[in-house]
Amino acid sequence: YWKFNHEEILRPHIGEQETLEVAKVLEDIYANNSIRVQLNTLDLTPEQIANVRFFTAIQDFKIDINARVNPFELYQLQPDFFNSGKILDNDLLIDEFLSKLGAEAQRDKRKRWMRASAGLLQEVYGGSAFNIYKVHSGDVLEIKKALAEPDTYGFSQKKADMFLRDMADLEVWQYKKNIEAINVMSDKNTMRIALRTGILQFRIPLLASYLDVYCYQYALVDK
């Protein structure tokens, strides 16, 4: 019943006046500023940045990967954390990396993804995430397909989109084709902001915690 009737029950719509008021505030903030991911990359090289984001993107679930430590600082402390060859040779290195991130939950899955993604880099991309762009000729859709469709390397469509977005925002890659295919799904925090500001409204009151459940209502709100 919920599958076929959730949209009619919730009947989402945009609060035009509320949206206009928020837009005016954002216009003042971003009129002279770029809208992009703000990450402190500590002057790492583009290749180093690509490897850091590649291996942290797959761990970006159930935790805030930036809460405990800046991942780019981790590279400076221990570059081997982001070296695909070292990862495949040293299982304890993966454990240490996950502990530094605070990624304790579902460790078996996280370790499996680290090994699989490191193997992918070794087999296809010369050991470095930086080479993904060149191998796929800067085509966003081809990169997303290679990372997310096998369901092996820890990259969901959302994580692949986040990785691709960050590579553009951090000026590591400049895509040549299908850049419009980068579509990062809204997270629950973005949804909460939309609900609390009145940008997004429903026929009936909707608890923000309701959006923690990845079901039809989550996809509807993201849409």
N, C-alpha and C. Protein backbone atom coordinates (compact mmCIF):
# COMPACT_ATOMS: atom_id res chain seq x y z
N TYR A 1 0.83 -1.21 0.00
CA TYR A 1 0.00 0.00 0.00
C TYR A 1 0.87 1.26 0.00
N TRP A 2 1.88 1.27 0.86
CA TRP A 2 2.75 2.44 0.97
C TRP A 2 3.50 2.68 -0.34
N LYS A 3 3.92 1.60 -1.00
CA LYS A 3 4.65 1.73 -2.25
C LYS A 3 3.85 2.49 -3.29
N PHE A 4 2.57 2.21 -3.38
CA PHE A 4 1.76 2.80 -4.43
C PHE A 4 1.07 4.10 -4.02
N ASN A 5 1.03 4.39 -2.72
CA ASN A 5 0.26 5.55 -2.26
C ASN A 5 1.05 6.59 -1.47
N HIS A 6 2.35 6.36 -1.26
CA HIS A 6 3.11 7.28 -0.40
C HIS A 6 3.12 8.71 -0.93
N GLU A 7 3.21 8.88 -2.24
CA GLU A 7 3.27 10.24 -2.79
C GLU A 7 1.96 10.99 -2.58
N GLU A 8 0.85 10.30 -2.74
CA GLU A 8 -0.46 10.94 -2.54
C GLU A 8 -0.69 11.23 -1.07
N ILE A 9 -0.25 10.34 -0.19
CA ILE A 9 -0.43 10.55 1.25
C ILE A 9 0.40 11.74 1.73
N LEU A 10 1.64 11.82 1.29
CA LEU A 10 2.53 12.90 1.74
C LEU A 10 2.31 14.20 0.97
N ARG A 11 2.05 14.06 -0.32
CA ARG A 11 1.78 15.19 -1.21
C ARG A 11 2.80 16.33 -1.01
N PRO A 12 4.06 16.10 -1.31
CA PRO A 12 5.09 17.13 -1.10
C PRO A 12 4.95 18.29 -2.07
N HIS A 13 5.31 19.48 -1.60
CA HIS A 13 5.31 20.66 -2.46
C HIS A 13 6.34 21.66 -1.94
N ILE A 14 6.74 22.56 -2.80
CA ILE A 14 7.74 23.57 -2.46
C ILE A 14 7.05 24.80 -1.88
N GLY A 15 7.53 25.26 -0.73
CA GLY A 15 7.03 26.51 -0.16
C GLY A 15 7.69 27.68 -0.87
N GLU A 16 6.98 28.31 -1.77
CA GLU A 16 7.59 29.33 -2.64
C GLU A 16 8.13 30.53 -1.86
N GLN A 17 7.35 31.04 -0.90
CA GLN A 17 7.79 32.20 -0.15
C GLN A 17 9.00 31.87 0.72
N GLU A 18 8.95 30.71 1.38
CA GLU A 18 10.07 30.28 2.21
C GLU A 18 11.34 30.09 1.38
N THR A 19 11.17 29.51 0.20
CA THR A 19 12.31 29.29 -0.69
C THR A 19 12.93 30.60 -1.12
N LEU A 20 12.08 31.58 -1.42
CA LEU A 20 12.57 32.90 -1.83
C LEU A 20 13.37 33.57 -0.71
N GLU A 21 12.88 33.45 0.51
CA GLU A 21 13.57 34.07 1.65
C GLU A 21 14.94 33.43 1.88
N VAL A 22 14.99 32.10 1.79
CA VAL A 22 16.27 31.40 1.96
C VAL A 22 17.22 31.75 0.81
N ALA A 23 16.68 31.84 -0.40
CA ALA A 23 17.50 32.17 -1.57
C ALA A 23 18.15 33.54 -1.43
N LYS A 24 17.42 34.49 -0.87
CA LYS A 24 17.98 35.84 -0.67
C LYS A 24 19.17 35.80 0.29
N VAL A 25 19.03 35.01 1.35
CA VAL A 25 20.13 34.89 2.32
C VAL A 25 21.35 34.24 1.66
N LEU A 26 21.11 33.17 0.90
CA LEU A 26 22.21 32.47 0.24
C LEU A 26 22.87 33.34 -0.82
N GLU A 27 22.08 34.16 -1.48
CA GLU A 27 22.63 35.07 -2.49
C GLU A 27 23.62 36.03 -1.87
N ASP A 28 23.30 36.53 -0.69
CA ASP A 28 24.22 37.45 0.00
C ASP A 28 25.52 36.75 0.38
N ILE A 29 25.40 35.47 0.75
CA ILE A 29 26.58 34.72 1.18
C ILE A 29 27.47 34.33 0.01
N TYR A 30 26.84 33.86 -1.08
CA TYR A 30 27.61 33.27 -2.17
C TYR A 30 27.75 34.16 -3.40
N ALA A 31 27.32 35.41 -3.30
CA ALA A 31 27.44 36.29 -4.46
C ALA A 31 28.89 36.42 -4.92
N ASN A 32 29.79 36.42 -3.97
CA ASN A 32 31.21 36.57 -4.30
C ASN A 32 32.04 35.37 -3.85
N ASN A 33 31.36 34.24 -3.64
CA ASN A 33 32.06 33.03 -3.20
C ASN A 33 31.61 31.85 -4.04
N SER A 34 32.51 30.90 -4.22
CA SER A 34 32.18 29.69 -4.97
C SER A 34 31.40 28.72 -4.10
N ILE A 35 30.46 28.01 -4.71
CA ILE A 35 29.74 26.95 -4.02
C ILE A 35 30.45 25.64 -4.35
N ARG A 36 31.20 25.15 -3.42
CA ARG A 36 31.94 23.92 -3.66
C ARG A 36 32.28 23.27 -2.33
N VAL A 37 32.69 22.03 -2.41
CA VAL A 37 33.11 21.30 -1.22
C VAL A 37 34.30 22.02 -0.59
N GLN A 38 34.21 22.23 0.72
CA GLN A 38 35.29 22.90 1.44
C GLN A 38 36.07 21.86 2.26
N LEU A 39 37.21 21.46 1.75
CA LEU A 39 38.05 20.48 2.43
C LEU A 39 39.47 21.01 2.51
N ASN A 40 40.11 20.79 3.64
CA ASN A 40 41.49 21.22 3.82
C ASN A 40 42.41 20.10 3.35
N THR A 41 42.91 20.24 2.14
CA THR A 41 43.73 19.18 1.55
C THR A 41 45.21 19.30 1.90
N LEU A 42 45.57 20.30 2.68
CA LEU A 42 46.93 20.42 3.23
C LEU A 42 48.01 20.41 2.15
N ASP A 43 47.69 20.98 1.01
CA ASP A 43 48.66 21.11 -0.09
C ASP A 43 49.15 19.77 -0.63
N LEU A 44 48.34 18.73 -0.50
CA LEU A 44 48.69 17.45 -1.13
C LEU A 44 48.60 17.60 -2.64
N THR A 45 49.28 16.74 -3.36
CA THR A 45 49.23 16.77 -4.82
C THR A 45 47.88 16.23 -5.29
N PRO A 46 47.49 16.53 -6.54
CA PRO A 46 46.23 15.99 -7.06
C PRO A 46 46.15 14.46 -6.96
N GLU A 47 47.24 13.77 -7.23
CA GLU A 47 47.22 12.30 -7.14
C GLU A 47 47.01 11.84 -5.71
N GLN A 48 47.64 12.49 -4.77
CA GLN A 48 47.46 12.14 -3.37
C GLN A 48 46.03 12.40 -2.92
N ILE A 49 45.47 13.53 -3.34
CA ILE A 49 44.08 13.86 -3.01
C ILE A 49 43.13 12.80 -3.56
N ALA A 50 43.37 12.38 -4.80
CA ALA A 50 42.51 11.37 -5.42
C ALA A 50 42.53 10.06 -4.63
N ASN A 51 43.69 9.63 -4.20
CA ASN A 51 43.79 8.39 -3.44
C ASN A 51 43.15 8.50 -2.06
N VAL A 52 43.32 9.65 -1.42
CA VAL A 52 42.68 9.84 -0.11
C VAL A 52 41.17 9.78 -0.24
N ARG A 53 40.61 10.49 -1.20
CA ARG A 53 39.15 10.51 -1.34
C ARG A 53 38.62 9.16 -1.82
N PHE A 54 39.38 8.46 -2.63
CA PHE A 54 38.94 7.15 -3.12
C PHE A 54 38.74 6.19 -1.96
N PHE A 55 39.74 6.08 -1.09
CA PHE A 55 39.65 5.10 -0.01
C PHE A 55 38.78 5.56 1.16
N THR A 56 38.59 6.86 1.31
CA THR A 56 37.69 7.33 2.38
C THR A 56 36.24 7.34 1.92
N ALA A 57 36.00 7.54 0.63
CA ALA A 57 34.62 7.58 0.13
C ALA A 57 33.90 6.26 0.39
N ILE A 58 34.60 5.14 0.24
CA ILE A 58 33.93 3.85 0.43
C ILE A 58 33.61 3.58 1.89
N GLN A 59 34.25 4.31 2.80
CA GLN A 59 33.98 4.13 4.24
C GLN A 59 32.95 5.13 4.75
N ASP A 60 32.43 5.97 3.88
CA ASP A 60 31.55 7.06 4.30
C ASP A 60 30.12 6.59 4.48
N PHE A 61 29.91 5.73 5.47
CA PHE A 61 28.56 5.34 5.88
C PHE A 61 28.60 5.02 7.38
N LYS A 62 27.55 5.39 8.07
CA LYS A 62 27.42 5.18 9.51
C LYS A 62 28.40 6.00 10.34
N ILE A 63 29.31 6.72 9.70
CA ILE A 63 30.25 7.57 10.43
C ILE A 63 30.45 8.87 9.66
N ASP A 64 30.95 9.88 10.35
CA ASP A 64 31.42 11.10 9.70
C ASP A 64 32.93 10.96 9.58
N ILE A 65 33.40 10.76 8.37
CA ILE A 65 34.82 10.44 8.19
C ILE A 65 35.73 11.62 8.54
N ASN A 66 35.15 12.81 8.69
CA ASN A 66 35.96 13.97 9.05
C ASN A 66 35.88 14.31 10.53
N ALA A 67 35.07 13.56 11.29
CA ALA A 67 34.81 13.92 12.69
C ALA A 67 36.04 13.72 13.58
N ARG A 68 36.73 12.62 13.38
CA ARG A 68 37.85 12.28 14.27
C ARG A 68 39.17 12.86 13.78
N VAL A 69 39.36 12.87 12.47
CA VAL A 69 40.64 13.33 11.93
C VAL A 69 40.42 13.78 10.49
N ASN A 70 41.18 14.75 10.05
CA ASN A 70 41.18 15.15 8.65
C ASN A 70 41.87 14.05 7.85
N PRO A 71 41.15 13.38 6.92
CA PRO A 71 41.76 12.28 6.17
C PRO A 71 43.04 12.69 5.43
N PHE A 72 43.11 13.95 5.02
CA PHE A 72 44.32 14.40 4.32
C PHE A 72 45.50 14.51 5.28
N GLU A 73 45.20 14.78 6.54
CA GLU A 73 46.25 14.76 7.55
C GLU A 73 46.73 13.33 7.79
N LEU A 74 45.80 12.38 7.69
CA LEU A 74 46.17 10.97 7.82
C LEU A 74 47.21 10.58 6.77
N TYR A 75 47.05 11.14 5.58
CA TYR A 75 48.02 10.83 4.52
C TYR A 75 49.41 11.29 4.93
N GLN A 76 49.48 12.46 5.52
CA GLN A 76 50.79 12.97 5.94
C GLN A 76 51.39 12.12 7.06
N LEU A 77 50.53 11.58 7.92
CA LEU A 77 51.00 10.76 9.03
C LEU A 77 51.41 9.37 8.56
N GLN A 78 50.63 8.80 7.61
CA GLN A 78 50.90 7.44 7.15
C GLN A 78 50.42 7.29 5.70
N PRO A 79 51.27 7.61 4.74
CA PRO A 79 50.89 7.51 3.32
C PRO A 79 50.47 6.10 2.91
N ASP A 80 50.97 5.08 3.60
CA ASP A 80 50.64 3.70 3.23
C ASP A 80 49.16 3.40 3.37
N PHE A 81 48.43 4.17 4.18
CA PHE A 81 46.98 3.96 4.30
C PHE A 81 46.29 4.08 2.95
N PHE A 82 46.89 4.82 2.03
CA PHE A 82 46.26 5.12 0.75
C PHE A 82 47.06 4.58 -0.42
N ASN A 83 47.90 3.61 -0.14
CA ASN A 83 48.72 2.96 -1.16
C ASN A 83 48.12 1.59 -1.45
N SER A 84 47.58 1.41 -2.64
CA SER A 84 46.85 0.18 -2.95
C SER A 84 47.72 -1.07 -2.81
N GLY A 85 48.98 -0.99 -3.21
CA GLY A 85 49.86 -2.14 -3.07
C GLY A 85 50.12 -2.49 -1.62
N LYS A 86 50.35 -1.49 -0.78
CA LYS A 86 50.58 -1.72 0.65
C LYS A 86 49.34 -2.29 1.32
N ILE A 87 48.18 -1.81 0.90
CA ILE A 87 46.92 -2.28 1.48
C ILE A 87 46.74 -3.78 1.22
N LEU A 88 47.05 -4.21 0.02
CA LEU A 88 46.89 -5.62 -0.33
C LEU A 88 47.90 -6.51 0.38
N ASP A 89 49.03 -5.95 0.75
CA ASP A 89 50.09 -6.73 1.39
C ASP A 89 49.99 -6.77 2.91
N ASN A 90 49.17 -5.90 3.50
CA ASN A 90 49.20 -5.75 4.96
C ASN A 90 47.79 -5.56 5.51
N ASP A 91 47.22 -6.65 6.02
CA ASP A 91 45.87 -6.59 6.55
C ASP A 91 45.79 -5.72 7.81
N LEU A 92 46.85 -5.69 8.59
CA LEU A 92 46.86 -4.87 9.80
C LEU A 92 46.83 -3.38 9.47
N LEU A 93 47.35 -3.03 8.30
CA LEU A 93 47.32 -1.64 7.87
C LEU A 93 45.88 -1.16 7.68
N ILE A 94 45.04 -2.05 7.16
CA ILE A 94 43.63 -1.71 6.99
C ILE A 94 42.97 -1.50 8.35
N ASP A 95 43.26 -2.38 9.29
CA ASP A 95 42.69 -2.24 10.64
C ASP A 95 43.10 -0.92 11.28
N GLU A 96 44.36 -0.57 11.13
CA GLU A 96 44.84 0.69 11.71
C GLU A 96 44.16 1.89 11.06
N PHE A 97 44.01 1.83 9.75
CA PHE A 97 43.34 2.90 9.02
C PHE A 97 41.90 3.08 9.48
N LEU A 98 41.16 1.98 9.59
CA LEU A 98 39.77 2.05 10.02
C LEU A 98 39.66 2.57 11.45
N SER A 99 40.58 2.19 12.30
CA SER A 99 40.57 2.68 13.68
C SER A 99 40.81 4.19 13.73
N LYS A 100 41.71 4.67 12.90
CA LYS A 100 41.98 6.11 12.85
C LYS A 100 40.74 6.89 12.42
N LEU A 101 39.96 6.30 11.51
CA LEU A 101 38.74 6.96 11.04
C LEU A 101 37.59 6.84 12.03
N GLY A 102 37.70 5.91 12.97
CA GLY A 102 36.60 5.63 13.88
C GLY A 102 35.56 4.73 13.25
N ALA A 103 35.98 3.95 12.26
CA ALA A 103 35.08 3.06 11.53
C ALA A 103 35.10 1.67 12.16
N GLU A 104 34.46 1.54 13.31
CA GLU A 104 34.47 0.27 14.03
C GLU A 104 33.34 -0.66 13.59
N ALA A 105 32.19 -0.08 13.26
CA ALA A 105 31.03 -0.90 12.89
C ALA A 105 31.23 -1.56 11.53
N GLN A 106 30.74 -2.78 11.40
CA GLN A 106 30.76 -3.53 10.14
C GLN A 106 32.18 -3.60 9.56
N ARG A 107 33.12 -3.91 10.42
CA ARG A 107 34.53 -3.89 10.01
C ARG A 107 34.83 -4.93 8.94
N ASP A 108 34.23 -6.10 9.02
CA ASP A 108 34.50 -7.13 8.01
C ASP A 108 34.15 -6.64 6.61
N LYS A 109 33.00 -5.98 6.51
CA LYS A 109 32.58 -5.43 5.22
C LYS A 109 33.54 -4.33 4.76
N ARG A 110 33.91 -3.47 5.68
CA ARG A 110 34.81 -2.36 5.33
C ARG A 110 36.17 -2.89 4.85
N LYS A 111 36.68 -3.91 5.52
CA LYS A 111 37.98 -4.47 5.12
C LYS A 111 37.88 -5.15 3.76
N ARG A 112 36.79 -5.85 3.53
CA ARG A 112 36.61 -6.50 2.23
C ARG A 112 36.60 -5.48 1.10
N TRP A 113 35.92 -4.37 1.33
CA TRP A 113 35.86 -3.31 0.31
C TRP A 113 37.24 -2.67 0.09
N MET A 114 37.98 -2.48 1.17
CA MET A 114 39.33 -1.90 1.03
C MET A 114 40.21 -2.79 0.15
N ARG A 115 40.16 -4.09 0.41
CA ARG A 115 40.98 -5.01 -0.38
C ARG A 115 40.51 -5.05 -1.84
N ALA A 116 39.21 -5.10 -2.04
CA ALA A 116 38.67 -5.17 -3.40
C ALA A 116 38.98 -3.91 -4.19
N SER A 117 38.80 -2.75 -3.57
CA SER A 117 39.05 -1.50 -4.28
C SER A 117 40.54 -1.30 -4.54
N ALA A 118 41.39 -1.72 -3.60
CA ALA A 118 42.83 -1.66 -3.82
C ALA A 118 43.22 -2.58 -4.98
N GLY A 119 42.60 -3.76 -5.03
CA GLY A 119 42.86 -4.67 -6.13
C GLY A 119 42.44 -4.09 -7.47
N LEU A 120 41.31 -3.37 -7.48
CA LEU A 120 40.85 -2.72 -8.70
C LEU A 120 41.88 -1.70 -9.19
N LEU A 121 42.40 -0.90 -8.28
CA LEU A 121 43.40 0.09 -8.68
C LEU A 121 44.64 -0.58 -9.25
N GLN A 122 45.07 -1.67 -8.63
CA GLN A 122 46.25 -2.38 -9.10
C GLN A 122 46.03 -3.00 -10.48
N GLU A 123 44.86 -3.58 -10.68
CA GLU A 123 44.60 -4.33 -11.91
C GLU A 123 44.27 -3.44 -13.11
N VAL A 124 43.60 -2.31 -12.86
CA VAL A 124 43.06 -1.52 -13.97
C VAL A 124 43.68 -0.13 -14.08
N TYR A 125 44.08 0.44 -12.96
CA TYR A 125 44.45 1.86 -12.96
C TYR A 125 45.90 2.14 -12.53
N GLY A 126 46.77 1.19 -12.74
CA GLY A 126 48.17 1.41 -12.43
C GLY A 126 48.45 1.70 -10.98
N GLY A 127 47.55 1.24 -10.10
CA GLY A 127 47.76 1.37 -8.66
C GLY A 127 47.31 2.68 -8.05
N SER A 128 46.78 3.60 -8.87
CA SER A 128 46.42 4.92 -8.35
C SER A 128 45.03 5.36 -8.81
N ALA A 129 44.24 5.91 -7.87
CA ALA A 129 42.91 6.42 -8.20
C ALA A 129 42.99 7.60 -9.16
N PHE A 130 44.10 8.29 -9.16
CA PHE A 130 44.27 9.45 -10.04
C PHE A 130 44.13 9.05 -11.51
N ASN A 131 44.49 7.82 -11.84
CA ASN A 131 44.47 7.36 -13.24
C ASN A 131 43.08 6.97 -13.73
N ILE A 132 42.10 6.92 -12.84
CA ILE A 132 40.74 6.56 -13.24
C ILE A 132 40.23 7.50 -14.32
N TYR A 133 40.50 8.77 -14.15
CA TYR A 133 40.05 9.79 -15.12
C TYR A 133 40.60 9.50 -16.51
N LYS A 134 41.89 9.24 -16.59
CA LYS A 134 42.52 9.02 -17.89
C LYS A 134 42.03 7.74 -18.55
N VAL A 135 41.92 6.68 -17.78
CA VAL A 135 41.48 5.40 -18.34
C VAL A 135 40.10 5.51 -18.96
N HIS A 136 39.22 6.32 -18.34
CA HIS A 136 37.85 6.46 -18.84
C HIS A 136 37.63 7.76 -19.61
N SER A 137 38.72 8.37 -20.03
CA SER A 137 38.67 9.56 -20.89
C SER A 137 37.80 10.68 -20.34
N GLY A 138 37.79 10.83 -19.03
CA GLY A 138 37.04 11.91 -18.41
C GLY A 138 35.54 11.80 -18.54
N ASP A 139 35.02 10.59 -18.76
CA ASP A 139 33.59 10.36 -18.93
C ASP A 139 32.97 9.96 -17.60
N VAL A 140 32.12 10.83 -17.06
CA VAL A 140 31.51 10.59 -15.76
C VAL A 140 30.74 9.28 -15.71
N LEU A 141 29.95 9.01 -16.73
CA LEU A 141 29.14 7.79 -16.72
C LEU A 141 30.00 6.54 -16.74
N GLU A 142 31.07 6.56 -17.49
CA GLU A 142 31.97 5.41 -17.54
C GLU A 142 32.64 5.18 -16.19
N ILE A 143 33.03 6.26 -15.52
CA ILE A 143 33.66 6.13 -14.21
C ILE A 143 32.67 5.58 -13.20
N LYS A 144 31.44 6.11 -13.20
CA LYS A 144 30.42 5.63 -12.27
C LYS A 144 30.13 4.15 -12.51
N LYS A 145 30.04 3.77 -13.76
CA LYS A 145 29.77 2.37 -14.09
C LYS A 145 30.89 1.47 -13.57
N ALA A 146 32.13 1.89 -13.75
CA ALA A 146 33.27 1.07 -13.33
C ALA A 146 33.34 0.92 -11.82
N LEU A 147 32.97 1.97 -11.08
CA LEU A 147 33.09 1.93 -9.63
C LEU A 147 31.89 1.33 -8.94
N ALA A 148 30.69 1.67 -9.40
CA ALA A 148 29.49 1.34 -8.64
C ALA A 148 28.71 0.13 -9.13
N GLU A 149 28.72 -0.13 -10.41
CA GLU A 149 27.86 -1.20 -10.91
C GLU A 149 28.29 -2.60 -10.51
N PRO A 150 29.59 -2.88 -10.33
CA PRO A 150 29.94 -4.25 -9.89
C PRO A 150 29.47 -4.59 -8.49
N ASP A 151 29.14 -3.58 -7.66
CA ASP A 151 28.71 -3.79 -6.27
C ASP A 151 29.75 -4.62 -5.50
N THR A 152 30.99 -4.34 -5.77
CA THR A 152 32.10 -5.11 -5.20
C THR A 152 33.06 -4.25 -4.40
N TYR A 153 33.19 -3.00 -4.81
CA TYR A 153 34.28 -2.16 -4.30
C TYR A 153 33.87 -1.19 -3.20
N GLY A 154 32.61 -1.26 -2.76
CA GLY A 154 32.16 -0.36 -1.71
C GLY A 154 31.59 0.95 -2.21
N PHE A 155 31.52 1.12 -3.52
CA PHE A 155 30.98 2.34 -4.09
C PHE A 155 29.52 2.14 -4.49
N SER A 156 28.61 2.71 -3.71
CA SER A 156 27.23 2.82 -4.16
C SER A 156 27.17 3.94 -5.19
N GLN A 157 26.02 4.12 -5.82
CA GLN A 157 25.89 5.24 -6.75
C GLN A 157 26.13 6.56 -6.04
N LYS A 158 25.61 6.67 -4.80
CA LYS A 158 25.77 7.92 -4.04
C LYS A 158 27.24 8.18 -3.73
N LYS A 159 27.96 7.15 -3.29
CA LYS A 159 29.38 7.34 -2.96
C LYS A 159 30.19 7.69 -4.21
N ALA A 160 29.86 7.04 -5.32
CA ALA A 160 30.56 7.35 -6.57
C ALA A 160 30.31 8.80 -6.97
N ASP A 161 29.06 9.25 -6.83
CA ASP A 161 28.74 10.65 -7.14
C ASP A 161 29.49 11.61 -6.23
N MET A 162 29.58 11.28 -4.94
CA MET A 162 30.31 12.13 -4.00
C MET A 162 31.79 12.21 -4.37
N PHE A 163 32.36 11.07 -4.71
CA PHE A 163 33.77 11.03 -5.10
C PHE A 163 34.02 11.87 -6.35
N LEU A 164 33.15 11.72 -7.34
CA LEU A 164 33.29 12.47 -8.59
C LEU A 164 33.10 13.97 -8.35
N ARG A 165 32.12 14.32 -7.52
CA ARG A 165 31.90 15.74 -7.19
C ARG A 165 33.15 16.33 -6.54
N ASP A 166 33.71 15.60 -5.58
CA ASP A 166 34.88 16.12 -4.86
C ASP A 166 36.09 16.26 -5.78
N MET A 167 36.25 15.34 -6.70
CA MET A 167 37.37 15.44 -7.63
C MET A 167 37.25 16.68 -8.51
N ALA A 168 36.02 17.08 -8.82
CA ALA A 168 35.81 18.31 -9.59
C ALA A 168 36.00 19.54 -8.72
N ASP A 169 35.38 19.53 -7.53
CA ASP A 169 35.45 20.70 -6.65
C ASP A 169 36.87 20.97 -6.17
N LEU A 170 37.64 19.91 -5.98
CA LEU A 170 39.03 20.07 -5.53
C LEU A 170 40.00 20.25 -6.69
N GLU A 171 39.42 20.39 -7.89
CA GLU A 171 40.18 20.68 -9.11
C GLU A 171 41.24 19.62 -9.42
N VAL A 172 40.88 18.39 -9.10
CA VAL A 172 41.75 17.26 -9.46
C VAL A 172 41.45 16.82 -10.89
N TRP A 173 40.15 16.77 -11.24
CA TRP A 173 39.73 16.38 -12.58
C TRP A 173 38.82 17.44 -13.18
N GLN A 174 38.86 17.57 -14.50
CA GLN A 174 37.92 18.39 -15.26
C GLN A 174 37.26 17.47 -16.29
N TYR A 175 36.03 17.12 -16.04
CA TYR A 175 35.37 16.10 -16.86
C TYR A 175 35.13 16.57 -18.29
N LYS A 176 35.20 15.63 -19.21
CA LYS A 176 35.02 15.92 -20.63
C LYS A 176 33.64 15.52 -21.14
N LYS A 177 32.96 14.64 -20.39
CA LYS A 177 31.70 14.11 -20.92
C LYS A 177 30.78 13.70 -19.78
N ASN A 178 29.49 14.00 -19.93
CA ASN A 178 28.43 13.56 -19.01
C ASN A 178 28.58 14.10 -17.58
N ILE A 179 29.10 15.32 -17.45
CA ILE A 179 29.24 15.89 -16.11
C ILE A 179 27.89 16.08 -15.44
N GLU A 180 26.83 16.24 -16.24
CA GLU A 180 25.49 16.41 -15.67
C GLU A 180 25.00 15.15 -14.97
N ALA A 181 25.70 14.03 -15.17
CA ALA A 181 25.31 12.77 -14.53
C ALA A 181 25.75 12.69 -13.08
N ILE A 182 26.54 13.66 -12.61
CA ILE A 182 26.89 13.70 -11.19
C ILE A 182 25.67 14.18 -10.42
N ASN A 183 25.13 13.33 -9.58
CA ASN A 183 23.88 13.64 -8.89
C ASN A 183 23.95 13.08 -7.47
N VAL A 184 24.49 13.88 -6.56
CA VAL A 184 24.66 13.44 -5.18
C VAL A 184 23.32 13.49 -4.46
N MET A 185 22.86 12.34 -4.00
CA MET A 185 21.59 12.27 -3.30
C MET A 185 21.63 13.10 -2.02
N SER A 186 20.54 13.78 -1.73
CA SER A 186 20.45 14.55 -0.49
C SER A 186 20.59 13.61 0.71
N ASP A 187 21.32 14.06 1.73
CA ASP A 187 21.38 13.26 2.94
C ASP A 187 20.30 13.74 3.91
N LYS A 188 20.16 13.05 5.03
CA LYS A 188 19.08 13.37 5.96
C LYS A 188 19.24 14.75 6.56
N ASN A 189 20.48 15.24 6.67
CA ASN A 189 20.69 16.58 7.23
C ASN A 189 20.18 17.65 6.27
N THR A 190 20.45 17.47 4.98
CA THR A 190 19.93 18.40 3.98
C THR A 190 18.41 18.39 3.99
N MET A 191 17.84 17.20 4.13
CA MET A 191 16.38 17.08 4.16
C MET A 191 15.80 17.78 5.39
N ARG A 192 16.46 17.65 6.52
CA ARG A 192 15.99 18.31 7.74
C ARG A 192 15.96 19.83 7.55
N ILE A 193 17.00 20.36 6.93
CA ILE A 193 17.05 21.80 6.68
C ILE A 193 15.90 22.23 5.79
N ALA A 194 15.65 21.45 4.74
CA ALA A 194 14.56 21.77 3.83
C ALA A 194 13.21 21.75 4.55
N LEU A 195 13.03 20.79 5.45
CA LEU A 195 11.77 20.69 6.19
C LEU A 195 11.63 21.82 7.21
N ARG A 196 12.69 22.11 7.94
CA ARG A 196 12.61 23.10 9.02
C ARG A 196 12.50 24.52 8.50
N THR A 197 13.06 24.79 7.33
CA THR A 197 12.95 26.13 6.76
C THR A 197 11.65 26.32 6.00
N GLY A 198 10.95 25.23 5.73
CA GLY A 198 9.70 25.33 4.99
C GLY A 198 9.88 25.29 3.49
N ILE A 199 11.12 25.09 3.03
CA ILE A 199 11.34 24.95 1.59
C ILE A 199 10.54 23.76 1.06
N LEU A 200 10.58 22.68 1.83
CA LEU A 200 9.81 21.48 1.47
C LEU A 200 8.69 21.29 2.48
N GLN A 201 7.48 21.11 1.99
CA GLN A 201 6.33 20.96 2.86
C GLN A 201 5.51 19.75 2.45
N PHE A 202 4.75 19.20 3.43
CA PHE A 202 3.92 18.02 3.18
C PHE A 202 2.48 18.29 3.60
N ARG A 203 1.63 17.44 3.12
CA ARG A 203 0.21 17.56 3.48
C ARG A 203 0.01 17.33 4.97
N ILE A 204 0.82 16.47 5.56
CA ILE A 204 0.75 16.16 6.99
C ILE A 204 2.12 16.38 7.61
N PRO A 205 2.20 16.62 8.92
CA PRO A 205 3.52 16.78 9.56
C PRO A 205 4.37 15.53 9.36
N LEU A 206 5.66 15.74 9.16
CA LEU A 206 6.56 14.62 8.92
C LEU A 206 7.76 14.74 9.84
N LEU A 207 8.00 13.73 10.65
CA LEU A 207 9.15 13.74 11.55
C LEU A 207 10.43 13.56 10.76
N ALA A 208 11.45 14.35 11.09
CA ALA A 208 12.72 14.24 10.38
C ALA A 208 13.31 12.84 10.52
N SER A 209 13.13 12.22 11.70
CA SER A 209 13.69 10.89 11.93
C SER A 209 13.09 9.85 10.99
N TYR A 210 11.91 10.16 10.49
CA TYR A 210 11.25 9.28 9.54
C TYR A 210 12.12 9.09 8.29
N LEU A 211 12.93 10.08 8.00
CA LEU A 211 13.76 10.03 6.80
C LEU A 211 15.00 9.16 6.98
N ASP A 212 15.24 8.73 8.21
CA ASP A 212 16.37 7.84 8.45
C ASP A 212 16.13 6.47 7.84
N VAL A 213 14.88 6.17 7.56
CA VAL A 213 14.51 4.88 6.98
C VAL A 213 14.58 5.00 5.46
N TYR A 214 15.47 4.22 4.85
CA TYR A 214 15.64 4.31 3.40
C TYR A 214 14.50 3.56 2.72
N CYS A 215 13.43 4.27 2.51
CA CYS A 215 12.25 3.67 1.91
C CYS A 215 11.71 4.64 0.85
N TYR A 216 10.47 4.44 0.44
CA TYR A 216 9.91 5.25 -0.64
C TYR A 216 9.88 6.73 -0.31
N GLN A 217 9.61 7.07 0.97
CA GLN A 217 9.54 8.48 1.33
C GLN A 217 10.90 9.16 1.21
N TYR A 218 11.99 8.42 1.43
CA TYR A 218 13.33 8.99 1.32
C TYR A 218 13.61 9.38 -0.13
N ALA A 219 13.33 8.47 -1.04
CA ALA A 219 13.54 8.74 -2.46
C ALA A 219 12.65 9.87 -2.95
N LEU A 220 11.43 9.94 -2.41
CA LEU A 220 10.49 10.99 -2.81
C LEU A 220 11.01 12.36 -2.38
N VAL A 221 11.49 12.46 -1.15
CA VAL A 221 12.00 13.74 -0.65
C VAL A 221 13.25 14.14 -1.44
N ASP A 222 14.11 13.21 -1.73
CA ASP A 222 15.31 13.51 -2.51
C ASP A 222 14.93 14.04 -3.89
N LYS A 223 13.92 13.44 -4.47
CA LYS A 223 13.43 13.87 -5.79
C LYS A 223 12.93 15.28 -5.75
